[in-house]
Amino acid sequence: MAWYIKKTSLMSGVPVDGTMYKTADGHWTNVYENRQSFDTEELATAAAKLDRGNGVLLMPNGVSVAED
């Protein structure tokens, strides 16, 4: 199975249900087919986390990893 990173948009104008997907270039899109895919949950989780300094990696609020 494939894994991907998603979040709910803060903007009310996003079509459909407001779900945004992270792309390979680090941007967000509402087009499901343009999402970046990962082979494992661990790889997706690592890509979703942000370095907040001193090597501390945190998952941003509202961001999650889902299985395809």
Protein backbone atom coordinates (compact mmCIF):
# COMPACT_ATOMS: atom_id res chain seq x y z
CA MET A 1 0.00 0.00 0.00
CA ALA A 2 1.00 3.61 -0.50
CA TRP A 3 1.01 6.33 2.15
CA TYR A 4 0.54 10.07 1.75
CA ILE A 5 0.43 13.29 3.81
CA LYS A 6 -2.76 15.30 4.12
CA LYS A 7 -4.27 18.21 6.02
CA THR A 8 -7.48 20.21 6.08
CA SER A 9 -7.18 23.57 4.37
CA LEU A 10 -7.64 26.70 6.45
CA MET A 11 -9.18 28.41 3.43
CA SER A 12 -12.90 27.96 2.90
CA GLY A 13 -12.57 28.24 -0.90
CA VAL A 14 -10.88 24.86 -1.38
CA PRO A 15 -13.13 22.65 -3.53
CA VAL A 16 -14.70 19.39 -2.42
CA ASP A 17 -14.06 18.59 1.27
CA GLY A 18 -11.13 20.94 2.00
CA THR A 19 -8.51 18.17 2.07
CA MET A 20 -5.05 19.17 0.88
CA TYR A 21 -2.25 16.76 -0.08
CA LYS A 22 1.51 17.33 0.13
CA THR A 23 3.32 17.16 -3.21
CA ALA A 24 6.84 15.95 -3.97
CA ASP A 25 8.09 19.56 -4.19
CA GLY A 26 6.82 20.36 -0.68
CA HIS A 27 3.75 22.35 -1.72
CA TRP A 28 0.11 21.54 -0.99
CA THR A 29 -2.57 20.70 -3.56
CA ASN A 30 -6.24 19.77 -3.46
CA VAL A 31 -5.75 17.44 -6.44
CA TYR A 32 -5.58 13.89 -5.07
CA GLU A 33 -3.67 12.58 -8.10
CA ASN A 34 -0.83 15.10 -7.51
CA ARG A 35 -0.04 13.92 -3.97
CA GLN A 36 3.37 12.48 -3.09
CA SER A 37 3.30 8.76 -2.36
CA PHE A 38 5.48 6.88 0.14
CA ASP A 39 6.17 3.14 0.40
CA THR A 40 5.84 2.99 4.19
CA GLU A 41 4.07 4.84 6.97
CA GLU A 42 7.46 5.58 8.55
CA LEU A 43 8.73 7.36 5.41
CA ALA A 44 5.55 9.43 5.14
CA THR A 45 5.65 10.38 8.82
CA ALA A 46 9.30 11.41 8.58
CA ALA A 47 8.55 13.59 5.53
CA ALA A 48 5.61 15.25 7.30
CA LYS A 49 7.58 16.31 10.37
CA LEU A 50 9.25 19.72 10.63
CA ASP A 51 12.57 20.44 12.35
CA ARG A 52 11.85 23.00 15.07
CA GLY A 53 15.50 23.36 16.02
CA ASN A 54 17.91 21.34 18.12
CA GLY A 55 16.94 18.23 16.17
CA VAL A 56 13.37 18.21 17.53
CA LEU A 57 10.98 16.99 14.84
CA LEU A 58 7.30 17.74 15.26
CA MET A 59 4.20 16.91 13.25
CA PRO A 60 2.42 20.21 12.45
CA ASN A 61 -1.12 20.66 13.77
CA GLY A 62 -3.74 19.31 11.41
CA VAL A 63 -1.28 17.24 9.35
CA SER A 64 -1.71 13.48 9.22
CA VAL A 65 -0.48 10.44 7.33
CA ALA A 66 -3.00 8.21 5.56
CA GLU A 67 -2.92 4.93 3.70
CA ASP A 68 -4.07 4.67 0.11
